[in-house]
Amino acid sequence: MTGREDEFLDSLIDNFCTIIASKIMDKMHKSAETTVNTDNSITVDTEELQKRLHCGSSTAVEIGTAAGARIKVGKRVLWYVKNVDEYLNRIAGDYENM
């Protein structure tokens, strides 16, 4: 092999190693992220309320507001899960009695 071929292969190997190391670091970072179990949470944010209710943002906000569950802390809005649960049980009972 010529000197140029050796340089090219060295460069190629360096780039390959850099890419592999980056991918390994990404995977390590993702696996280190903790997930929070919100099943027993007292409050949830709007995104989590959407997930719990299986609905969009505006519907989740409408239900949370009707339940009197909105808690504002600075700019952050949280939803008191107990109020939402009680509200849903109450309106579900209304439909059962129809």
PDB file of N, CA and C in Angstrom:
ATOM      1  N   MET A   1       0.835  -1.183   0.000  1.00  0.00           N
ATOM      2  CA  MET A   1       0.000   0.000   0.000  1.00  0.00           C
ATOM      3  C   MET A   1       0.875   1.240   0.000  1.00  0.00           C
ATOM      4  N   THR A   2       0.334   2.274  -0.613  1.00  0.00           N
ATOM      5  CA  THR A   2       1.061   3.544  -0.654  1.00  0.00           C
ATOM      6  C   THR A   2       0.777   4.338   0.612  1.00  0.00           C
ATOM      7  N   GLY A   3       1.530   5.380   0.794  1.00  0.00           N
ATOM      8  CA  GLY A   3       1.330   6.251   1.946  1.00  0.00           C
ATOM      9  C   GLY A   3      -0.050   6.888   1.947  1.00  0.00           C
ATOM     10  N   ARG A   4      -0.540   7.229   0.753  1.00  0.00           N
ATOM     11  CA  ARG A   4      -1.870   7.841   0.648  1.00  0.00           C
ATOM     12  C   ARG A   4      -2.956   6.852   1.043  1.00  0.00           C
ATOM     13  N   GLU A   5      -2.793   5.602   0.635  1.00  0.00           N
ATOM     14  CA  GLU A   5      -3.786   4.582   0.991  1.00  0.00           C
ATOM     15  C   GLU A   5      -3.803   4.361   2.501  1.00  0.00           C
ATOM     16  N   ASP A   6      -2.617   4.339   3.117  1.00  0.00           N
ATOM     17  CA  ASP A   6      -2.531   4.193   4.572  1.00  0.00           C
ATOM     18  C   ASP A   6      -3.222   5.356   5.280  1.00  0.00           C
ATOM     19  N   GLU A   7      -2.994   6.582   4.802  1.00  0.00           N
ATOM     20  CA  GLU A   7      -3.629   7.762   5.392  1.00  0.00           C
ATOM     21  C   GLU A   7      -5.142   7.697   5.237  1.00  0.00           C
ATOM     22  N   PHE A   8      -5.571   7.281   4.056  1.00  0.00           N
ATOM     23  CA  PHE A   8      -7.010   7.166   3.802  1.00  0.00           C
ATOM     24  C   PHE A   8      -7.639   6.146   4.738  1.00  0.00           C
ATOM     25  N   LEU A   9      -6.999   4.971   4.872  1.00  0.00           N
ATOM     26  CA  LEU A   9      -7.538   3.940   5.758  1.00  0.00           C
ATOM     27  C   LEU A   9      -7.524   4.398   7.208  1.00  0.00           C
ATOM     28  N   ASP A  10      -6.462   5.062   7.632  1.00  0.00           N
ATOM     29  CA  ASP A  10      -6.409   5.591   8.994  1.00  0.00           C
ATOM     30  C   ASP A  10      -7.540   6.595   9.236  1.00  0.00           C
ATOM     31  N   SER A  11      -7.760   7.461   8.270  1.00  0.00           N
ATOM     32  CA  SER A  11      -8.826   8.446   8.369  1.00  0.00           C
ATOM     33  C   SER A  11     -10.194   7.762   8.426  1.00  0.00           C
ATOM     34  N   LEU A  12     -10.374   6.761   7.590  1.00  0.00           N
ATOM     35  CA  LEU A  12     -11.627   6.021   7.556  1.00  0.00           C
ATOM     36  C   LEU A  12     -11.880   5.320   8.884  1.00  0.00           C
ATOM     37  N   ILE A  13     -10.854   4.704   9.440  1.00  0.00           N
ATOM     38  CA  ILE A  13     -10.981   4.008  10.725  1.00  0.00           C
ATOM     39  C   ILE A  13     -11.283   5.001  11.838  1.00  0.00           C
ATOM     40  N   ASP A  14     -10.606   6.150  11.832  1.00  0.00           N
ATOM     41  CA  ASP A  14     -10.870   7.174  12.847  1.00  0.00           C
ATOM     42  C   ASP A  14     -12.320   7.648  12.788  1.00  0.00           C
ATOM     43  N   ASN A  15     -12.810   7.927  11.580  1.00  0.00           N
ATOM     44  CA  ASN A  15     -14.193   8.371  11.416  1.00  0.00           C
ATOM     45  C   ASN A  15     -15.164   7.296  11.878  1.00  0.00           C
ATOM     46  N   PHE A  16     -14.882   6.047  11.523  1.00  0.00           N
ATOM     47  CA  PHE A  16     -15.735   4.941  11.924  1.00  0.00           C
ATOM     48  C   PHE A  16     -15.780   4.837  13.450  1.00  0.00           C
ATOM     49  N   CYS A  17     -14.617   4.905  14.084  1.00  0.00           N
ATOM     50  CA  CYS A  17     -14.549   4.818  15.548  1.00  0.00           C
ATOM     51  C   CYS A  17     -15.297   5.972  16.208  1.00  0.00           C
ATOM     52  N   THR A  18     -15.185   7.157  15.648  1.00  0.00           N
ATOM     53  CA  THR A  18     -15.893   8.321  16.188  1.00  0.00           C
ATOM     54  C   THR A  18     -17.403   8.113  16.103  1.00  0.00           C
ATOM     55  N   ILE A  19     -17.873   7.618  14.984  1.00  0.00           N
ATOM     56  CA  ILE A  19     -19.310   7.377  14.796  1.00  0.00           C
ATOM     57  C   ILE A  19     -19.798   6.316  15.778  1.00  0.00           C
ATOM     58  N   ILE A  20     -19.072   5.216  15.892  1.00  0.00           N
ATOM     59  CA  ILE A  20     -19.462   4.145  16.808  1.00  0.00           C
ATOM     60  C   ILE A  20     -19.479   4.645  18.249  1.00  0.00           C
ATOM     61  N   ALA A  21     -18.462   5.377  18.647  1.00  0.00           N
ATOM     62  CA  ALA A  21     -18.401   5.907  20.011  1.00  0.00           C
ATOM     63  C   ALA A  21     -19.584   6.837  20.275  1.00  0.00           C
ATOM     64  N   SER A  22     -19.943   7.653  19.295  1.00  0.00           N
ATOM     65  CA  SER A  22     -21.071   8.559  19.436  1.00  0.00           C
ATOM     66  C   SER A  22     -22.374   7.787  19.616  1.00  0.00           C
ATOM     67  N   LYS A  23     -22.546   6.742  18.833  1.00  0.00           N
ATOM     68  CA  LYS A  23     -23.767   5.929  18.936  1.00  0.00           C
ATOM     69  C   LYS A  23     -23.841   5.221  20.282  1.00  0.00           C
ATOM     70  N   ILE A  24     -22.717   4.718  20.768  1.00  0.00           N
ATOM     71  CA  ILE A  24     -22.690   4.065  22.075  1.00  0.00           C
ATOM     72  C   ILE A  24     -23.048   5.061  23.170  1.00  0.00           C
ATOM     73  N   MET A  25     -22.500   6.261  23.093  1.00  0.00           N
ATOM     74  CA  MET A  25     -22.804   7.288  24.095  1.00  0.00           C
ATOM     75  C   MET A  25     -24.286   7.661  24.061  1.00  0.00           C
ATOM     76  N   ASP A  26     -24.863   7.762  22.856  1.00  0.00           N
ATOM     77  CA  ASP A  26     -26.291   8.059  22.737  1.00  0.00           C
ATOM     78  C   ASP A  26     -27.133   6.989  23.419  1.00  0.00           C
ATOM     79  N   LYS A  27     -26.784   5.729  23.178  1.00  0.00           N
ATOM     80  CA  LYS A  27     -27.536   4.632  23.793  1.00  0.00           C
ATOM     81  C   LYS A  27     -27.384   4.636  25.297  1.00  0.00           C
ATOM     82  N   MET A  28     -26.186   4.917  25.781  1.00  0.00           N
ATOM     83  CA  MET A  28     -25.964   4.967  27.218  1.00  0.00           C
ATOM     84  C   MET A  28     -26.779   6.101  27.838  1.00  0.00           C
ATOM     85  N   HIS A  29     -26.824   7.237  27.152  1.00  0.00           N
ATOM     86  CA  HIS A  29     -27.578   8.380  27.659  1.00  0.00           C
ATOM     87  C   HIS A  29     -29.065   8.052  27.714  1.00  0.00           C
ATOM     88  N   LYS A  30     -29.581   7.430  26.660  1.00  0.00           N
ATOM     89  CA  LYS A  30     -30.999   7.086  26.623  1.00  0.00           C
ATOM     90  C   LYS A  30     -31.353   6.073  27.688  1.00  0.00           C
ATOM     91  N   SER A  31     -30.485   5.097  27.931  1.00  0.00           N
ATOM     92  CA  SER A  31     -30.791   4.084  28.937  1.00  0.00           C
ATOM     93  C   SER A  31     -30.691   4.651  30.344  1.00  0.00           C
ATOM     94  N   ALA A  32     -29.938   5.731  30.512  1.00  0.00           N
ATOM     95  CA  ALA A  32     -29.785   6.344  31.829  1.00  0.00           C
ATOM     96  C   ALA A  32     -30.955   7.247  32.182  1.00  0.00           C
ATOM     97  N   GLU A  33     -31.752   7.637  31.183  1.00  0.00           N
ATOM     98  CA  GLU A  33     -32.898   8.487  31.454  1.00  0.00           C
ATOM     99  C   GLU A  33     -33.890   7.725  32.311  1.00  0.00           C
ATOM    100  N   THR A  34     -34.397   8.385  33.326  1.00  0.00           N
ATOM    101  CA  THR A  34     -35.355   7.725  34.195  1.00  0.00           C
ATOM    102  C   THR A  34     -36.757   8.033  33.727  1.00  0.00           C
ATOM    103  N   THR A  35     -37.613   7.065  33.886  1.00  0.00           N
ATOM    104  CA  THR A  35     -39.013   7.279  33.578  1.00  0.00           C
ATOM    105  C   THR A  35     -39.759   7.376  34.896  1.00  0.00           C
ATOM    106  N   VAL A  36     -40.726   8.240  34.923  1.00  0.00           N
ATOM    107  CA  VAL A  36     -41.497   8.453  36.137  1.00  0.00           C
ATOM    108  C   VAL A  36     -42.835   7.754  35.979  1.00  0.00           C
ATOM    109  N   ASN A  37     -43.159   6.939  36.943  1.00  0.00           N
ATOM    110  CA  ASN A  37     -44.447   6.269  36.946  1.00  0.00           C
ATOM    111  C   ASN A  37     -45.481   7.257  37.468  1.00  0.00           C
ATOM    112  N   THR A  38     -46.374   7.694  36.603  1.00  0.00           N
ATOM    113  CA  THR A  38     -47.356   8.702  37.001  1.00  0.00           C
ATOM    114  C   THR A  38     -48.666   8.081  37.452  1.00  0.00           C
ATOM    115  N   ASP A  39     -48.732   6.750  37.536  1.00  0.00           N
ATOM    116  CA  ASP A  39     -49.967   6.104  37.972  1.00  0.00           C
ATOM    117  C   ASP A  39     -50.357   6.528  39.378  1.00  0.00           C
ATOM    118  N   ASN A  40     -49.379   6.791  40.238  1.00  0.00           N
ATOM    119  CA  ASN A  40     -49.655   7.158  41.623  1.00  0.00           C
ATOM    120  C   ASN A  40     -49.357   8.623  41.915  1.00  0.00           C
ATOM    121  N   SER A  41     -49.202   9.426  40.877  1.00  0.00           N
ATOM    122  CA  SER A  41     -48.882  10.835  41.069  1.00  0.00           C
ATOM    123  C   SER A  41     -50.073  11.602  41.607  1.00  0.00           C
ATOM    124  N   ILE A  42     -49.793  12.573  42.443  1.00  0.00           N
ATOM    125  CA  ILE A  42     -50.841  13.443  42.975  1.00  0.00           C
ATOM    126  C   ILE A  42     -51.244  14.453  41.910  1.00  0.00           C
ATOM    127  N   THR A  43     -50.244  14.991  41.210  1.00  0.00           N
ATOM    128  CA  THR A  43     -50.505  15.942  40.130  1.00  0.00           C
ATOM    129  C   THR A  43     -49.782  15.477  38.871  1.00  0.00           C
ATOM    130  N   VAL A  44     -50.272  15.954  37.729  1.00  0.00           N
ATOM    131  CA  VAL A  44     -49.638  15.682  36.442  1.00  0.00           C
ATOM    132  C   VAL A  44     -49.663  16.956  35.619  1.00  0.00           C
ATOM    133  N   ASP A  45     -48.772  17.042  34.635  1.00  0.00           N
ATOM    134  CA  ASP A  45     -48.817  18.185  33.726  1.00  0.00           C
ATOM    135  C   ASP A  45     -49.855  17.894  32.633  1.00  0.00           C
ATOM    136  N   THR A  46     -50.070  18.857  31.770  1.00  0.00           N
ATOM    137  CA  THR A  46     -51.112  18.718  30.747  1.00  0.00           C
ATOM    138  C   THR A  46     -50.814  17.573  29.799  1.00  0.00           C
ATOM    139  N   GLU A  47     -49.557  17.397  29.437  1.00  0.00           N
ATOM    140  CA  GLU A  47     -49.196  16.312  28.530  1.00  0.00           C
ATOM    141  C   GLU A  47     -49.524  14.947  29.139  1.00  0.00           C
ATOM    142  N   GLU A  48     -49.231  14.790  30.421  1.00  0.00           N
ATOM    143  CA  GLU A  48     -49.529  13.519  31.091  1.00  0.00           C
ATOM    144  C   GLU A  48     -51.032  13.344  31.277  1.00  0.00           C
ATOM    145  N   LEU A  49     -51.744  14.437  31.511  1.00  0.00           N
ATOM    146  CA  LEU A  49     -53.208  14.358  31.620  1.00  0.00           C
ATOM    147  C   LEU A  49     -53.797  13.883  30.294  1.00  0.00           C
ATOM    148  N   GLN A  50     -53.265  14.378  29.195  1.00  0.00           N
ATOM    149  CA  GLN A  50     -53.704  13.920  27.873  1.00  0.00           C
ATOM    150  C   GLN A  50     -53.506  12.418  27.733  1.00  0.00           C
ATOM    151  N   LYS A  51     -52.343  11.935  28.149  1.00  0.00           N
ATOM    152  CA  LYS A  51     -52.056  10.504  28.051  1.00  0.00           C
ATOM    153  C   LYS A  51     -53.009   9.694  28.918  1.00  0.00           C
ATOM    154  N   ARG A  52     -53.261  10.177  30.120  1.00  0.00           N
ATOM    155  CA  ARG A  52     -54.155   9.454  31.041  1.00  0.00           C
ATOM    156  C   ARG A  52     -55.574   9.403  30.516  1.00  0.00           C
ATOM    157  N   LEU A  53     -56.004  10.489  29.865  1.00  0.00           N
ATOM    158  CA  LEU A  53     -57.383  10.570  29.373  1.00  0.00           C
ATOM    159  C   LEU A  53     -57.533  10.091  27.927  1.00  0.00           C
ATOM    160  N   HIS A  54     -56.400   9.855  27.266  1.00  0.00           N
ATOM    161  CA  HIS A  54     -56.408   9.442  25.850  1.00  0.00           C
ATOM    162  C   HIS A  54     -57.168  10.455  25.002  1.00  0.00           C
ATOM    163  N   CYS A  55     -56.762  11.714  25.136  1.00  0.00           N
ATOM    164  CA  CYS A  55     -57.416  12.771  24.369  1.00  0.00           C
ATOM    165  C   CYS A  55     -56.403  13.862  24.049  1.00  0.00           C
ATOM    166  N   GLY A  56     -56.849  14.849  23.298  1.00  0.00           N
ATOM    167  CA  GLY A  56     -55.998  15.960  22.931  1.00  0.00           C
ATOM    168  C   GLY A  56     -55.882  16.985  24.041  1.00  0.00           C
ATOM    169  N   SER A  57     -55.067  17.982  23.781  1.00  0.00           N
ATOM    170  CA  SER A  57     -54.780  19.000  24.777  1.00  0.00           C
ATOM    171  C   SER A  57     -56.023  19.782  25.193  1.00  0.00           C
ATOM    172  N   SER A  58     -56.786  20.252  24.227  1.00  0.00           N
ATOM    173  CA  SER A  58     -57.944  21.086  24.575  1.00  0.00           C
ATOM    174  C   SER A  58     -58.993  20.294  25.360  1.00  0.00           C
ATOM    175  N   THR A  59     -59.202  19.025  25.020  1.00  0.00           N
ATOM    176  CA  THR A  59     -60.156  18.198  25.764  1.00  0.00           C
ATOM    177  C   THR A  59     -59.646  17.926  27.172  1.00  0.00           C
ATOM    178  N   ALA A  60     -58.359  17.648  27.316  1.00  0.00           N
ATOM    179  CA  ALA A  60     -57.780  17.407  28.636  1.00  0.00           C
ATOM    180  C   ALA A  60     -57.924  18.648  29.509  1.00  0.00           C
ATOM    181  N   VAL A  61     -57.643  19.814  28.956  1.00  0.00           N
ATOM    182  CA  VAL A  61     -57.772  21.071  29.703  1.00  0.00           C
ATOM    183  C   VAL A  61     -59.232  21.306  30.071  1.00  0.00           C
ATOM    184  N   GLU A  62     -60.146  21.025  29.158  1.00  0.00           N
ATOM    185  CA  GLU A  62     -61.575  21.201  29.430  1.00  0.00           C
ATOM    186  C   GLU A  62     -62.034  20.300  30.579  1.00  0.00           C
ATOM    187  N   ILE A  63     -61.620  19.049  30.542  1.00  0.00           N
ATOM    188  CA  ILE A  63     -61.998  18.104  31.605  1.00  0.00           C
ATOM    189  C   ILE A  63     -61.351  18.515  32.924  1.00  0.00           C
ATOM    190  N   GLY A  64     -60.071  18.837  32.892  1.00  0.00           N
ATOM    191  CA  GLY A  64     -59.373  19.241  34.118  1.00  0.00           C
ATOM    192  C   GLY A  64     -59.966  20.486  34.740  1.00  0.00           C
ATOM    193  N   THR A  65     -60.355  21.434  33.904  1.00  0.00           N
ATOM    194  CA  THR A  65     -60.964  22.668  34.395  1.00  0.00           C
ATOM    195  C   THR A  65     -62.340  22.390  34.986  1.00  0.00           C
ATOM    196  N   ALA A  66     -63.138  21.588  34.287  1.00  0.00           N
ATOM    197  CA  ALA A  66     -64.476  21.238  34.787  1.00  0.00           C
ATOM    198  C   ALA A  66     -64.387  20.484  36.107  1.00  0.00           C
ATOM    199  N   ALA A  67     -63.303  19.739  36.292  1.00  0.00           N
ATOM    200  CA  ALA A  67     -63.109  18.983  37.531  1.00  0.00           C
ATOM    201  C   ALA A  67     -62.585  19.855  38.669  1.00  0.00           C
ATOM    202  N   GLY A  68     -62.224  21.089  38.366  1.00  0.00           N
ATOM    203  CA  GLY A  68     -61.645  21.966  39.383  1.00  0.00           C
ATOM    204  C   GLY A  68     -60.271  21.483  39.818  1.00  0.00           C
ATOM    205  N   ALA A  69     -59.526  20.920  38.869  1.00  0.00           N
ATOM    206  CA  ALA A  69     -58.255  20.288  39.193  1.00  0.00           C
ATOM    207  C   ALA A  69     -57.036  21.129  38.821  1.00  0.00           C
ATOM    208  N   ARG A  70     -57.259  22.307  38.255  1.00  0.00           N
ATOM    209  CA  ARG A  70     -56.140  23.126  37.768  1.00  0.00           C
ATOM    210  C   ARG A  70     -55.386  23.772  38.920  1.00  0.00           C
ATOM    211  N   ILE A  71     -54.059  23.572  38.907  1.00  0.00           N
ATOM    212  CA  ILE A  71     -53.173  24.193  39.899  1.00  0.00           C
ATOM    213  C   ILE A  71     -52.106  24.942  39.120  1.00  0.00           C
ATOM    214  N   LYS A  72     -51.985  26.240  39.365  1.00  0.00           N
ATOM    215  CA  LYS A  72     -50.978  27.021  38.662  1.00  0.00           C
ATOM    216  C   LYS A  72     -49.860  27.373  39.636  1.00  0.00           C
ATOM    217  N   VAL A  73     -48.642  27.007  39.255  1.00  0.00           N
ATOM    218  CA  VAL A  73     -47.465  27.302  40.056  1.00  0.00           C
ATOM    219  C   VAL A  73     -46.526  28.101  39.157  1.00  0.00           C
ATOM    220  N   GLY A  74     -46.493  29.400  39.351  1.00  0.00           N
ATOM    221  CA  GLY A  74     -45.733  30.255  38.441  1.00  0.00           C
ATOM    222  C   GLY A  74     -46.366  30.177  37.060  1.00  0.00           C
ATOM    223  N   LYS A  75     -45.567  29.809  36.068  1.00  0.00           N
ATOM    224  CA  LYS A  75     -46.089  29.651  34.706  1.00  0.00           C
ATOM    225  C   LYS A  75     -46.541  28.223  34.438  1.00  0.00           C
ATOM    226  N   ARG A  76     -46.230  27.332  35.352  1.00  0.00           N
ATOM    227  CA  ARG A  76     -46.518  25.917  35.159  1.00  0.00           C
ATOM    228  C   ARG A  76     -47.941  25.585  35.584  1.00  0.00           C
ATOM    229  N   VAL A  77     -48.613  24.752  34.784  1.00  0.00           N
ATOM    230  CA  VAL A  77     -49.958  24.305  35.112  1.00  0.00           C
ATOM    231  C   VAL A  77     -49.912  22.806  35.404  1.00  0.00           C
ATOM    232  N   LEU A  78     -50.419  22.446  36.577  1.00  0.00           N
ATOM    233  CA  LEU A  78     -50.532  21.046  36.967  1.00  0.00           C
ATOM    234  C   LEU A  78     -52.005  20.719  37.183  1.00  0.00           C
ATOM    235  N   TRP A  79     -52.307  19.433  37.176  1.00  0.00           N
ATOM    236  CA  TRP A  79     -53.684  18.980  37.340  1.00  0.00           C
ATOM    237  C   TRP A  79     -53.743  18.005  38.509  1.00  0.00           C
ATOM    238  N   TYR A  80     -54.652  18.263  39.444  1.00  0.00           N
ATOM    239  CA  TYR A  80     -54.828  17.419  40.631  1.00  0.00           C
ATOM    240  C   TYR A  80     -55.611  16.177  40.212  1.00  0.00           C
ATOM    241  N   VAL A  81     -54.916  15.058  40.182  1.00  0.00           N
ATOM    242  CA  VAL A  81     -55.451  13.814  39.626  1.00  0.00           C
ATOM    243  C   VAL A  81     -56.713  13.360  40.364  1.00  0.00           C
ATOM    244  N   LYS A  82     -56.729  13.496  41.682  1.00  0.00           N
ATOM    245  CA  LYS A  82     -57.891  13.043  42.464  1.00  0.00           C
ATOM    246  C   LYS A  82     -59.171  13.738  42.007  1.00  0.00           C
ATOM    247  N   ASN A  83     -59.097  15.054  41.778  1.00  0.00           N
ATOM    248  CA  ASN A  83     -60.287  15.779  41.320  1.00  0.00           C
ATOM    249  C   ASN A  83     -60.740  15.304  39.941  1.00  0.00           C
ATOM    250  N   VAL A  84     -59.779  15.056  39.057  1.00  0.00           N
ATOM    251  CA  VAL A  84     -60.120  14.572  37.711  1.00  0.00           C
ATOM    252  C   VAL A  84     -60.789  13.203  37.807  1.00  0.00           C
ATOM    253  N   ASP A  85     -60.213  12.308  38.599  1.00  0.00           N
ATOM    254  CA  ASP A  85     -60.792  10.970  38.764  1.00  0.00           C
ATOM    255  C   ASP A  85     -62.203  11.033  39.325  1.00  0.00           C
ATOM    256  N   GLU A  86     -62.391  11.845  40.374  1.00  0.00           N
ATOM    257  CA  GLU A  86     -63.711  11.970  40.990  1.00  0.00           C
ATOM    258  C   GLU A  86     -64.723  12.563  40.014  1.00  0.00           C
ATOM    259  N   TYR A  87     -64.297  13.557  39.255  1.00  0.00           N
ATOM    260  CA  TYR A  87     -65.176  14.179  38.256  1.00  0.00           C
ATOM    261  C   TYR A  87     -65.609  13.165  37.205  1.00  0.00           C
ATOM    262  N   LEU A  88     -64.660  12.405  36.688  1.00  0.00           N
ATOM    263  CA  LEU A  88     -64.982  11.414  35.661  1.00  0.00           C
ATOM    264  C   LEU A  88     -65.908  10.331  36.213  1.00  0.00           C
ATOM    265  N   ASN A  89     -65.667   9.895  37.446  1.00  0.00           N
ATOM    266  CA  ASN A  89     -66.559   8.907  38.063  1.00  0.00           C
ATOM    267  C   ASN A  89     -67.966   9.472  38.237  1.00  0.00           C
ATOM    268  N   ARG A  90     -68.034  10.752  38.617  1.00  0.00           N
ATOM    269  CA  ARG A  90     -69.330  11.398  38.813  1.00  0.00           C
ATOM    270  C   ARG A  90     -70.101  11.513  37.495  1.00  0.00           C
ATOM    271  N   ILE A  91     -69.441  11.984  36.437  1.00  0.00           N
ATOM    272  CA  ILE A  91     -70.175  12.131  35.176  1.00  0.00           C
ATOM    273  C   ILE A  91     -70.446  10.782  34.526  1.00  0.00           C
ATOM    274  N   ALA A  92     -69.592   9.806  34.772  1.00  0.00           N
ATOM    275  CA  ALA A  92     -69.861   8.459  34.252  1.00  0.00           C
ATOM    276  C   ALA A  92     -71.085   7.890  34.948  1.00  0.00           C
ATOM    277  N   GLY A  93     -71.239   8.165  36.247  1.00  0.00           N
ATOM    278  CA  GLY A  93     -72.412   7.721  36.990  1.00  0.00           C
ATOM    279  C   GLY A  93     -73.668   8.386  36.483  1.00  0.00           C
ATOM    280  N   ASP A  94     -73.577   9.655  36.078  1.00  0.00           N
ATOM    281  CA  ASP A  94     -74.728  10.359  35.523  1.00  0.00           C
ATOM    282  C   ASP A  94     -75.214   9.675  34.260  1.00  0.00           C
ATOM    283  N   TYR A  95     -74.297   9.207  33.422  1.00  0.00           N
ATOM    284  CA  TYR A  95     -74.677   8.543  32.184  1.00  0.00           C
ATOM    285  C   TYR A  95     -75.260   7.158  32.444  1.00  0.00           C
ATOM    286  N   GLU A  96     -74.791   6.486  33.495  1.00  0.00           N
ATOM    287  CA  GLU A  96     -75.302   5.168  33.825  1.00  0.00           C
ATOM    288  C   GLU A  96     -76.749   5.258  34.308  1.00  0.00           C
ATOM    289  N   ASN A  97     -77.097   6.365  34.936  1.00  0.00           N
ATOM    290  CA  ASN A  97     -78.451   6.521  35.501  1.00  0.00           C
ATOM    291  C   ASN A  97     -79.455   7.047  34.484  1.00  0.00           C
ATOM    292  N   MET A  98     -79.031   7.292  33.272  1.00  0.00           N
ATOM    293  CA  MET A  98     -79.948   7.826  32.254  1.00  0.00           C
ATOM    294  C   MET A  98     -80.831   6.728  31.709  1.00  0.00           C
TER     295      MET A  98
END
